């Protein structure tokens, strides 16, 4: 993942962090590119939201995604770039159940 993409998502979160800490402490923010995808109660919900958005193609393939705890001092942070595996037109891979 390019450092520029990481930096963009990080800068976006840092610009929103004070407001998010006031409104949603302890929850998890999902930042994609220069926008907030949403705020979720758990990291599992945040990961699921990313998966759903990716499957619905509202989250572009290869777009940098930051999932971060909303806190003054963040202890949980995940950076990813989702890509589809080669397979059928619907994204399914042959042989998968």
PDB file of N, CA and C in Angstrom:
ATOM      1  N   UNK A   1       0.865  -1.173   0.000  1.00  0.00           N
ATOM      2  CA  UNK A   1       0.000   0.000   0.000  1.00  0.00           C
ATOM      3  C   UNK A   1       0.902   1.223   0.000  1.00  0.00           C
ATOM      4  N   UNK A   2       0.604   2.169  -0.864  1.00  0.00           N
ATOM      5  CA  UNK A   2       1.430   3.358  -0.944  1.00  0.00           C
ATOM      6  C   UNK A   2       1.303   4.235   0.291  1.00  0.00           C
ATOM      7  N   UNK A   3       2.398   4.851   0.646  1.00  0.00           N
ATOM      8  CA  UNK A   3       2.394   5.722   1.830  1.00  0.00           C
ATOM      9  C   UNK A   3       1.464   6.909   1.649  1.00  0.00           C
ATOM     10  N   UNK A   4       1.314   7.386   0.409  1.00  0.00           N
ATOM     11  CA  UNK A   4       0.415   8.520   0.161  1.00  0.00           C
ATOM     12  C   UNK A   4      -1.025   8.160   0.514  1.00  0.00           C
ATOM     13  N   UNK A   5      -1.467   6.965   0.124  1.00  0.00           N
ATOM     14  CA  UNK A   5      -2.817   6.522   0.439  1.00  0.00           C
ATOM     15  C   UNK A   5      -3.010   6.384   1.941  1.00  0.00           C
ATOM     16  N   UNK A   6      -2.026   5.812   2.603  1.00  0.00           N
ATOM     17  CA  UNK A   6      -2.089   5.675   4.060  1.00  0.00           C
ATOM     18  C   UNK A   6      -2.164   7.054   4.694  1.00  0.00           C
ATOM     19  N   UNK A   7      -1.340   7.954   4.229  1.00  0.00           N
ATOM     20  CA  UNK A   7      -1.304   9.304   4.785  1.00  0.00           C
ATOM     21  C   UNK A   7      -2.618  10.035   4.563  1.00  0.00           C
ATOM     22  N   UNK A   8      -3.234   9.867   3.389  1.00  0.00           N
ATOM     23  CA  UNK A   8      -4.499  10.542   3.109  1.00  0.00           C
ATOM     24  C   UNK A   8      -5.588  10.073   4.068  1.00  0.00           C
ATOM     25  N   UNK A   9      -5.725   8.767   4.239  1.00  0.00           N
ATOM     26  CA  UNK A   9      -6.736   8.238   5.149  1.00  0.00           C
ATOM     27  C   UNK A   9      -6.438   8.654   6.584  1.00  0.00           C
ATOM     28  N   UNK A  10      -5.176   8.610   6.962  1.00  0.00           N
ATOM     29  CA  UNK A  10      -4.776   9.005   8.308  1.00  0.00           C
ATOM     30  C   UNK A  10      -5.076  10.482   8.555  1.00  0.00           C
ATOM     31  N   UNK A  11      -4.724  11.327   7.602  1.00  0.00           N
ATOM     32  CA  UNK A  11      -4.992  12.771   7.745  1.00  0.00           C
ATOM     33  C   UNK A  11      -6.488  13.041   7.843  1.00  0.00           C
ATOM     34  N   UNK A  12      -7.283  12.310   7.052  1.00  0.00           N
ATOM     35  CA  UNK A  12      -8.731  12.489   7.099  1.00  0.00           C
ATOM     36  C   UNK A  12      -9.257  12.127   8.484  1.00  0.00           C
ATOM     37  N   UNK A  13      -8.813  10.984   9.019  1.00  0.00           N
ATOM     38  CA  UNK A  13      -9.261  10.600  10.360  1.00  0.00           C
ATOM     39  C   UNK A  13      -8.822  11.635  11.387  1.00  0.00           C
ATOM     40  N   UNK A  14      -7.575  12.067  11.315  1.00  0.00           N
ATOM     41  CA  UNK A  14      -7.075  13.042  12.290  1.00  0.00           C
ATOM     42  C   UNK A  14      -7.865  14.343  12.238  1.00  0.00           C
ATOM     43  N   UNK A  15      -8.344  14.743  11.062  1.00  0.00           N
ATOM     44  CA  UNK A  15      -9.143  15.972  10.974  1.00  0.00           C
ATOM     45  C   UNK A  15     -10.519  15.798  11.622  1.00  0.00           C
ATOM     46  N   UNK A  16     -11.030  14.563  11.608  1.00  0.00           N
ATOM     47  CA  UNK A  16     -12.349  14.278  12.192  1.00  0.00           C
ATOM     48  C   UNK A  16     -12.268  13.814  13.641  1.00  0.00           C
ATOM     49  N   UNK A  17     -11.085  13.420  14.080  1.00  0.00           N
ATOM     50  CA  UNK A  17     -10.914  12.768  15.370  1.00  0.00           C
ATOM     51  C   UNK A  17     -11.498  13.550  16.552  1.00  0.00           C
ATOM     52  N   UNK A  18     -11.229  14.849  16.697  1.00  0.00           N
ATOM     53  CA  UNK A  18     -11.799  15.553  17.868  1.00  0.00           C
ATOM     54  C   UNK A  18     -13.324  15.467  17.938  1.00  0.00           C
ATOM     55  N   UNK A  19     -13.992  15.651  16.802  1.00  0.00           N
ATOM     56  CA  UNK A  19     -15.460  15.563  16.784  1.00  0.00           C
ATOM     57  C   UNK A  19     -15.932  14.138  17.067  1.00  0.00           C
ATOM     58  N   UNK A  20     -15.249  13.159  16.476  1.00  0.00           N
ATOM     59  CA  UNK A  20     -15.632  11.769  16.696  1.00  0.00           C
ATOM     60  C   UNK A  20     -15.403  11.338  18.138  1.00  0.00           C
ATOM     61  N   UNK A  21     -14.323  11.802  18.752  1.00  0.00           N
ATOM     62  CA  UNK A  21     -14.056  11.463  20.160  1.00  0.00           C
ATOM     63  C   UNK A  21     -15.165  12.012  21.045  1.00  0.00           C
ATOM     64  N   UNK A  22     -15.671  13.203  20.717  1.00  0.00           N
ATOM     65  CA  UNK A  22     -16.775  13.780  21.501  1.00  0.00           C
ATOM     66  C   UNK A  22     -18.087  13.026  21.273  1.00  0.00           C
ATOM     67  N   UNK A  23     -18.358  12.634  20.021  1.00  0.00           N
ATOM     68  CA  UNK A  23     -19.660  12.040  19.707  1.00  0.00           C
ATOM     69  C   UNK A  23     -19.699  10.516  19.795  1.00  0.00           C
ATOM     70  N   UNK A  24     -18.577   9.845  19.540  1.00  0.00           N
ATOM     71  CA  UNK A  24     -18.587   8.384  19.448  1.00  0.00           C
ATOM     72  C   UNK A  24     -17.365   7.712  20.080  1.00  0.00           C
ATOM     73  N   UNK A  25     -16.988   8.085  21.292  1.00  0.00           N
ATOM     74  CA  UNK A  25     -15.786   7.472  21.890  1.00  0.00           C
ATOM     75  C   UNK A  25     -15.957   5.965  22.058  1.00  0.00           C
ATOM     76  N   UNK A  26     -14.867   5.244  21.788  1.00  0.00           N
ATOM     77  CA  UNK A  26     -14.879   3.806  21.962  1.00  0.00           C
ATOM     78  C   UNK A  26     -15.455   3.023  20.796  1.00  0.00           C
ATOM     79  N   UNK A  27     -16.012   3.715  19.815  1.00  0.00           N
ATOM     80  CA  UNK A  27     -16.541   3.042  18.630  1.00  0.00           C
ATOM     81  C   UNK A  27     -15.444   2.969  17.575  1.00  0.00           C
ATOM     82  N   UNK A  28     -15.774   2.552  16.367  1.00  0.00           N
ATOM     83  CA  UNK A  28     -14.798   2.378  15.301  1.00  0.00           C
ATOM     84  C   UNK A  28     -15.229   3.122  14.047  1.00  0.00           C
ATOM     85  N   UNK A  29     -14.319   3.920  13.519  1.00  0.00           N
ATOM     86  CA  UNK A  29     -14.573   4.681  12.299  1.00  0.00           C
ATOM     87  C   UNK A  29     -13.968   3.951  11.116  1.00  0.00           C
ATOM     88  N   UNK A  30     -14.659   4.017   9.984  1.00  0.00           N
ATOM     89  CA  UNK A  30     -14.143   3.475   8.734  1.00  0.00           C
ATOM     90  C   UNK A  30     -13.967   4.653   7.780  1.00  0.00           C
ATOM     91  N   UNK A  31     -12.725   4.908   7.384  1.00  0.00           N
ATOM     92  CA  UNK A  31     -12.392   6.001   6.477  1.00  0.00           C
ATOM     93  C   UNK A  31     -11.909   5.392   5.176  1.00  0.00           C
ATOM     94  N   UNK A  32     -12.482   5.851   4.085  1.00  0.00           N
ATOM     95  CA  UNK A  32     -12.068   5.390   2.761  1.00  0.00           C
ATOM     96  C   UNK A  32     -11.706   6.623   1.950  1.00  0.00           C
ATOM     97  N   UNK A  33     -10.451   6.679   1.525  1.00  0.00           N
ATOM     98  CA  UNK A  33     -10.004   7.849   0.770  1.00  0.00           C
ATOM     99  C   UNK A  33     -10.134   9.094   1.619  1.00  0.00           C
ATOM    100  N   UNK A  34     -10.956  10.034   1.147  1.00  0.00           N
ATOM    101  CA  UNK A  34     -11.120  11.282   1.893  1.00  0.00           C
ATOM    102  C   UNK A  34     -12.505  11.398   2.522  1.00  0.00           C
ATOM    103  N   UNK A  35     -13.141  10.252   2.794  1.00  0.00           N
ATOM    104  CA  UNK A  35     -14.475  10.302   3.383  1.00  0.00           C
ATOM    105  C   UNK A  35     -14.689   9.269   4.471  1.00  0.00           C
ATOM    106  N   UNK A  36     -15.664   9.527   5.308  1.00  0.00           N
ATOM    107  CA  UNK A  36     -16.041   8.626   6.393  1.00  0.00           C
ATOM    108  C   UNK A  36     -17.131   7.691   5.879  1.00  0.00           C
ATOM    109  N   UNK A  37     -16.836   6.396   5.840  1.00  0.00           N
ATOM    110  CA  UNK A  37     -17.827   5.407   5.416  1.00  0.00           C
ATOM    111  C   UNK A  37     -18.876   5.215   6.503  1.00  0.00           C
ATOM    112  N   UNK A  38     -18.447   5.277   7.780  1.00  0.00           N
ATOM    113  CA  UNK A  38     -19.394   5.124   8.875  1.00  0.00           C
ATOM    114  C   UNK A  38     -18.695   4.922  10.201  1.00  0.00           C
ATOM    115  N   UNK A  39     -19.509   4.873  11.264  1.00  0.00           N
ATOM    116  CA  UNK A  39     -19.034   4.648  12.628  1.00  0.00           C
ATOM    117  C   UNK A  39     -19.796   3.442  13.167  1.00  0.00           C
ATOM    118  N   UNK A  40     -19.059   2.511  13.784  1.00  0.00           N
ATOM    119  CA  UNK A  40     -19.639   1.234  14.180  1.00  0.00           C
ATOM    120  C   UNK A  40     -19.283   0.903  15.623  1.00  0.00           C
ATOM    121  N   UNK A  41     -20.123   0.068  16.241  1.00  0.00           N
ATOM    122  CA  UNK A  41     -19.961  -0.273  17.656  1.00  0.00           C
ATOM    123  C   UNK A  41     -18.779  -1.187  17.926  1.00  0.00           C
ATOM    124  N   UNK A  42     -18.402  -1.985  16.948  1.00  0.00           N
ATOM    125  CA  UNK A  42     -17.299  -2.930  17.153  1.00  0.00           C
ATOM    126  C   UNK A  42     -16.458  -3.011  15.890  1.00  0.00           C
ATOM    127  N   UNK A  43     -15.276  -3.557  16.035  1.00  0.00           N
ATOM    128  CA  UNK A  43     -14.416  -3.738  14.860  1.00  0.00           C
ATOM    129  C   UNK A  43     -15.041  -4.759  13.919  1.00  0.00           C
ATOM    130  N   UNK A  44     -15.744  -5.747  14.478  1.00  0.00           N
ATOM    131  CA  UNK A  44     -16.425  -6.731  13.635  1.00  0.00           C
ATOM    132  C   UNK A  44     -17.480  -6.067  12.753  1.00  0.00           C
ATOM    133  N   UNK A  45     -18.259  -5.153  13.334  1.00  0.00           N
ATOM    134  CA  UNK A  45     -19.261  -4.429  12.551  1.00  0.00           C
ATOM    135  C   UNK A  45     -18.609  -3.557  11.478  1.00  0.00           C
ATOM    136  N   UNK A  46     -17.489  -2.944  11.819  1.00  0.00           N
ATOM    137  CA  UNK A  46     -16.770  -2.106  10.858  1.00  0.00           C
ATOM    138  C   UNK A  46     -16.240  -2.942   9.696  1.00  0.00           C
ATOM    139  N   UNK A  47     -15.666  -4.101  10.004  1.00  0.00           N
ATOM    140  CA  UNK A  47     -15.175  -4.999   8.955  1.00  0.00           C
ATOM    141  C   UNK A  47     -16.320  -5.495   8.076  1.00  0.00           C
ATOM    142  N   UNK A  48     -17.442  -5.838   8.685  1.00  0.00           N
ATOM    143  CA  UNK A  48     -18.606  -6.286   7.932  1.00  0.00           C
ATOM    144  C   UNK A  48     -19.113  -5.169   7.016  1.00  0.00           C
ATOM    145  N   UNK A  49     -19.158  -3.951   7.521  1.00  0.00           N
ATOM    146  CA  UNK A  49     -19.606  -2.814   6.705  1.00  0.00           C
ATOM    147  C   UNK A  49     -18.697  -2.617   5.493  1.00  0.00           C
ATOM    148  N   UNK A  50     -17.396  -2.787   5.691  1.00  0.00           N
ATOM    149  CA  UNK A  50     -16.452  -2.685   4.567  1.00  0.00           C
ATOM    150  C   UNK A  50     -16.732  -3.775   3.544  1.00  0.00           C
ATOM    151  N   UNK A  51     -16.952  -4.992   4.025  1.00  0.00           N
ATOM    152  CA  UNK A  51     -17.223  -6.107   3.137  1.00  0.00           C
ATOM    153  C   UNK A  51     -18.501  -5.882   2.333  1.00  0.00           C
ATOM    154  N   UNK A  52     -19.548  -5.429   3.007  1.00  0.00           N
ATOM    155  CA  UNK A  52     -20.818  -5.164   2.335  1.00  0.00           C
ATOM    156  C   UNK A  52     -20.650  -4.054   1.294  1.00  0.00           C
ATOM    157  N   UNK A  53     -19.962  -2.980   1.665  1.00  0.00           N
ATOM    158  CA  UNK A  53     -19.739  -1.871   0.727  1.00  0.00           C
ATOM    159  C   UNK A  53     -18.904  -2.320  -0.467  1.00  0.00           C
ATOM    160  N   UNK A  54     -17.916  -3.171  -0.225  1.00  0.00           N
ATOM    161  CA  UNK A  54     -17.085  -3.675  -1.309  1.00  0.00           C
ATOM    162  C   UNK A  54     -17.906  -4.567  -2.231  1.00  0.00           C
ATOM    163  N   UNK A  55     -18.712  -5.456  -1.658  1.00  0.00           N
ATOM    164  CA  UNK A  55     -19.560  -6.337  -2.467  1.00  0.00           C
ATOM    165  C   UNK A  55     -20.582  -5.545  -3.279  1.00  0.00           C
ATOM    166  N   UNK A  56     -21.082  -4.449  -2.710  1.00  0.00           N
ATOM    167  CA  UNK A  56     -22.052  -3.597  -3.411  1.00  0.00           C
ATOM    168  C   UNK A  56     -21.367  -2.657  -4.401  1.00  0.00           C
ATOM    169  N   UNK A  57     -20.039  -2.716  -4.417  1.00  0.00           N
ATOM    170  CA  UNK A  57     -19.216  -1.881  -5.302  1.00  0.00           C
ATOM    171  C   UNK A  57     -19.320  -0.380  -4.993  1.00  0.00           C
ATOM    172  N   UNK A  58     -19.717  -0.057  -3.767  1.00  0.00           N
ATOM    173  CA  UNK A  58     -19.676   1.348  -3.335  1.00  0.00           C
ATOM    174  C   UNK A  58     -18.320   1.687  -2.744  1.00  0.00           C
ATOM    175  N   UNK A  59     -17.539   0.662  -2.463  1.00  0.00           N
ATOM    176  CA  UNK A  59     -16.160   0.822  -2.014  1.00  0.00           C
ATOM    177  C   UNK A  59     -15.290   0.352  -3.174  1.00  0.00           C
ATOM    178  N   UNK A  60     -14.594   1.264  -3.830  1.00  0.00           N
ATOM    179  CA  UNK A  60     -13.842   0.901  -5.040  1.00  0.00           C
ATOM    180  C   UNK A  60     -12.719  -0.089  -4.753  1.00  0.00           C
ATOM    181  N   UNK A  61     -12.507  -0.981  -5.700  1.00  0.00           N
ATOM    182  CA  UNK A  61     -11.426  -1.949  -5.584  1.00  0.00           C
ATOM    183  C   UNK A  61     -10.091  -1.224  -5.473  1.00  0.00           C
ATOM    184  N   UNK A  62      -9.301  -1.636  -4.497  1.00  0.00           N
ATOM    185  CA  UNK A  62      -7.982  -1.048  -4.293  1.00  0.00           C
ATOM    186  C   UNK A  62      -7.966   0.258  -3.523  1.00  0.00           C
ATOM    187  N   UNK A  63      -9.138   0.776  -3.172  1.00  0.00           N
ATOM    188  CA  UNK A  63      -9.194   2.031  -2.415  1.00  0.00           C
ATOM    189  C   UNK A  63      -8.684   1.792  -1.000  1.00  0.00           C
ATOM    190  N   UNK A  64      -7.842   2.669  -0.477  1.00  0.00           N
ATOM    191  CA  UNK A  64      -7.338   2.479   0.885  1.00  0.00           C
ATOM    192  C   UNK A  64      -8.459   2.658   1.910  1.00  0.00           C
ATOM    193  N   UNK A  65      -8.500   1.742   2.857  1.00  0.00           N
ATOM    194  CA  UNK A  65      -9.510   1.771   3.914  1.00  0.00           C
ATOM    195  C   UNK A  65      -8.787   1.779   5.255  1.00  0.00           C
ATOM    196  N   UNK A  66      -9.191   2.686   6.116  1.00  0.00           N
ATOM    197  CA  UNK A  66      -8.672   2.754   7.478  1.00  0.00           C
ATOM    198  C   UNK A  66      -9.812   2.462   8.432  1.00  0.00           C
ATOM    199  N   UNK A  67      -9.633   1.456   9.272  1.00  0.00           N
ATOM    200  CA  UNK A  67     -10.570   1.171  10.359  1.00  0.00           C
ATOM    201  C   UNK A  67      -9.820   1.499  11.627  1.00  0.00           C
ATOM    202  N   UNK A  68     -10.362   2.417  12.409  1.00  0.00           N
ATOM    203  CA  UNK A  68      -9.647   2.857  13.600  1.00  0.00           C
ATOM    204  C   UNK A  68     -10.580   3.052  14.786  1.00  0.00           C
ATOM    205  N   UNK A  69     -10.058   2.725  15.928  1.00  0.00           N
ATOM    206  CA  UNK A  69     -10.757   2.999  17.178  1.00  0.00           C
ATOM    207  C   UNK A  69     -10.894   4.518  17.321  1.00  0.00           C
ATOM    208  N   UNK A  70     -12.005   4.950  17.856  1.00  0.00           N
ATOM    209  CA  UNK A  70     -12.207   6.378  18.093  1.00  0.00           C
ATOM    210  C   UNK A  70     -11.830   6.655  19.541  1.00  0.00           C
ATOM    211  N   UNK A  71     -10.665   7.275  19.714  1.00  0.00           N
ATOM    212  CA  UNK A  71     -10.129   7.559  21.042  1.00  0.00           C
ATOM    213  C   UNK A  71      -9.049   8.624  20.912  1.00  0.00           C
ATOM    214  N   UNK A  72      -8.736   9.262  22.016  1.00  0.00           N
ATOM    215  CA  UNK A  72      -7.631  10.226  22.028  1.00  0.00           C
ATOM    216  C   UNK A  72      -6.331   9.518  21.655  1.00  0.00           C
ATOM    217  N   UNK A  73      -6.117   8.361  22.289  1.00  0.00           N
ATOM    218  CA  UNK A  73      -4.932   7.535  21.998  1.00  0.00           C
ATOM    219  C   UNK A  73      -5.427   6.222  21.415  1.00  0.00           C
ATOM    220  N   UNK A  74      -5.329   6.097  20.127  1.00  0.00           N
ATOM    221  CA  UNK A  74      -5.844   4.937  19.410  1.00  0.00           C
ATOM    222  C   UNK A  74      -4.954   3.721  19.670  1.00  0.00           C
ATOM    223  N   UNK A  75      -5.581   2.581  20.024  1.00  0.00           N
ATOM    224  CA  UNK A  75      -4.818   1.357  20.236  1.00  0.00           C
ATOM    225  C   UNK A  75      -5.131   0.295  19.183  1.00  0.00           C
ATOM    226  N   UNK A  76      -6.209   0.487  18.399  1.00  0.00           N
ATOM    227  CA  UNK A  76      -6.568  -0.459  17.346  1.00  0.00           C
ATOM    228  C   UNK A  76      -6.724   0.306  16.040  1.00  0.00           C
ATOM    229  N   UNK A  77      -5.962  -0.136  15.031  1.00  0.00           N
ATOM    230  CA  UNK A  77      -6.031   0.516  13.719  1.00  0.00           C
ATOM    231  C   UNK A  77      -5.691  -0.528  12.658  1.00  0.00           C
ATOM    232  N   UNK A  78      -6.513  -0.593  11.612  1.00  0.00           N
ATOM    233  CA  UNK A  78      -6.300  -1.532  10.520  1.00  0.00           C
ATOM    234  C   UNK A  78      -6.314  -0.750   9.211  1.00  0.00           C
ATOM    235  N   UNK A  79      -5.290  -0.980   8.381  1.00  0.00           N
ATOM    236  CA  UNK A  79      -5.244  -0.392   7.044  1.00  0.00           C
ATOM    237  C   UNK A  79      -5.335  -1.540   6.042  1.00  0.00           C
ATOM    238  N   UNK A  80      -6.148  -1.358   5.002  1.00  0.00           N
ATOM    239  CA  UNK A  80      -6.301  -2.397   3.989  1.00  0.00           C
ATOM    240  C   UNK A  80      -6.645  -1.781   2.642  1.00  0.00           C
ATOM    241  N   UNK A  81      -6.433  -2.557   1.608  1.00  0.00           N
ATOM    242  CA  UNK A  81      -6.876  -2.223   0.253  1.00  0.00           C
ATOM    243  C   UNK A  81      -7.555  -3.471  -0.294  1.00  0.00           C
ATOM    244  N   UNK A  82      -8.874  -3.474  -0.378  1.00  0.00           N
ATOM    245  CA  UNK A  82      -9.567  -4.682  -0.845  1.00  0.00           C
ATOM    246  C   UNK A  82      -9.461  -4.854  -2.368  1.00  0.00           C
ATOM    247  N   UNK A  83      -9.231  -6.092  -2.768  1.00  0.00           N
ATOM    248  CA  UNK A  83      -9.186  -6.460  -4.181  1.00  0.00           C
ATOM    249  C   UNK A  83     -10.008  -7.726  -4.367  1.00  0.00           C
ATOM    250  N   UNK A  84     -10.607  -7.867  -5.531  1.00  0.00           N
ATOM    251  CA  UNK A  84     -11.326  -9.092  -5.875  1.00  0.00           C
ATOM    252  C   UNK A  84     -10.334 -10.124  -6.394  1.00  0.00           C
ATOM    253  N   UNK A  85     -10.593 -11.365  -6.044  1.00  0.00           N
ATOM    254  CA  UNK A  85      -9.773 -12.445  -6.590  1.00  0.00           C
ATOM    255  C   UNK A  85     -10.257 -12.731  -8.008  1.00  0.00           C
ATOM    256  N   UNK A  86      -9.360 -13.223  -8.844  1.00  0.00           N
ATOM    257  CA  UNK A  86      -9.734 -13.581 -10.211  1.00  0.00           C
ATOM    258  C   UNK A  86     -10.799 -14.661 -10.151  1.00  0.00           C
ATOM    259  N   UNK A  87     -11.802 -14.535 -11.002  1.00  0.00           N
ATOM    260  CA  UNK A  87     -12.859 -15.539 -11.004  1.00  0.00           C
ATOM    261  C   UNK A  87     -13.960 -15.128 -11.944  1.00  0.00           C
ATOM    262  N   UNK A  88     -15.167 -15.457 -11.572  1.00  0.00           N
ATOM    263  CA  UNK A  88     -16.337 -15.167 -12.392  1.00  0.00           C
ATOM    264  C   UNK A  88     -16.630 -13.679 -12.411  1.00  0.00           C
ATOM    265  N   UNK A  89     -17.506 -13.265 -13.301  1.00  0.00           N
ATOM    266  CA  UNK A  89     -17.864 -11.853 -13.434  1.00  0.00           C
ATOM    267  C   UNK A  89     -18.467 -11.296 -12.153  1.00  0.00           C
ATOM    268  N   UNK A  90     -19.119 -12.161 -11.347  1.00  0.00           N
ATOM    269  CA  UNK A  90     -19.734 -11.682 -10.107  1.00  0.00           C
ATOM    270  C   UNK A  90     -18.747 -11.658  -8.952  1.00  0.00           C
ATOM    271  N   UNK A  91     -17.472 -12.000  -9.242  1.00  0.00           N
ATOM    272  CA  UNK A  91     -16.463 -11.974  -8.204  1.00  0.00           C
ATOM    273  C   UNK A  91     -16.241 -13.303  -7.519  1.00  0.00           C
ATOM    274  N   UNK A  92     -17.105 -14.291  -7.779  1.00  0.00           N
ATOM    275  CA  UNK A  92     -16.938 -15.597  -7.163  1.00  0.00           C
ATOM    276  C   UNK A  92     -15.762 -16.322  -7.812  1.00  0.00           C
ATOM    277  N   UNK A  93     -15.086 -17.112  -7.046  1.00  0.00           N
ATOM    278  CA  UNK A  93     -13.961 -17.883  -7.549  1.00  0.00           C
ATOM    279  C   UNK A  93     -14.440 -19.309  -7.781  1.00  0.00           C
ATOM    280  N   UNK A  94     -14.118 -19.857  -8.927  1.00  0.00           N
ATOM    281  CA  UNK A  94     -14.533 -21.220  -9.237  1.00  0.00           C
ATOM    282  C   UNK A  94     -14.062 -22.178  -8.152  1.00  0.00           C
ATOM    283  N   UNK A  95     -14.948 -23.063  -7.755  1.00  0.00           N
ATOM    284  CA  UNK A  95     -14.587 -24.054  -6.754  1.00  0.00           C
ATOM    285  C   UNK A  95     -14.923 -23.622  -5.333  1.00  0.00           C
ATOM    286  N   UNK A  96     -15.288 -22.360  -5.132  1.00  0.00           N
ATOM    287  CA  UNK A  96     -15.647 -21.913  -3.777  1.00  0.00           C
ATOM    288  C   UNK A  96     -17.061 -22.367  -3.444  1.00  0.00           C
ATOM    289  N   UNK A  97     -17.263 -22.624  -2.200  1.00  0.00           N
ATOM    290  CA  UNK A  97     -18.597 -23.018  -1.736  1.00  0.00           C
ATOM    291  C   UNK A  97     -19.258 -21.832  -1.095  1.00  0.00           C
TER     292      UNK A  97
END
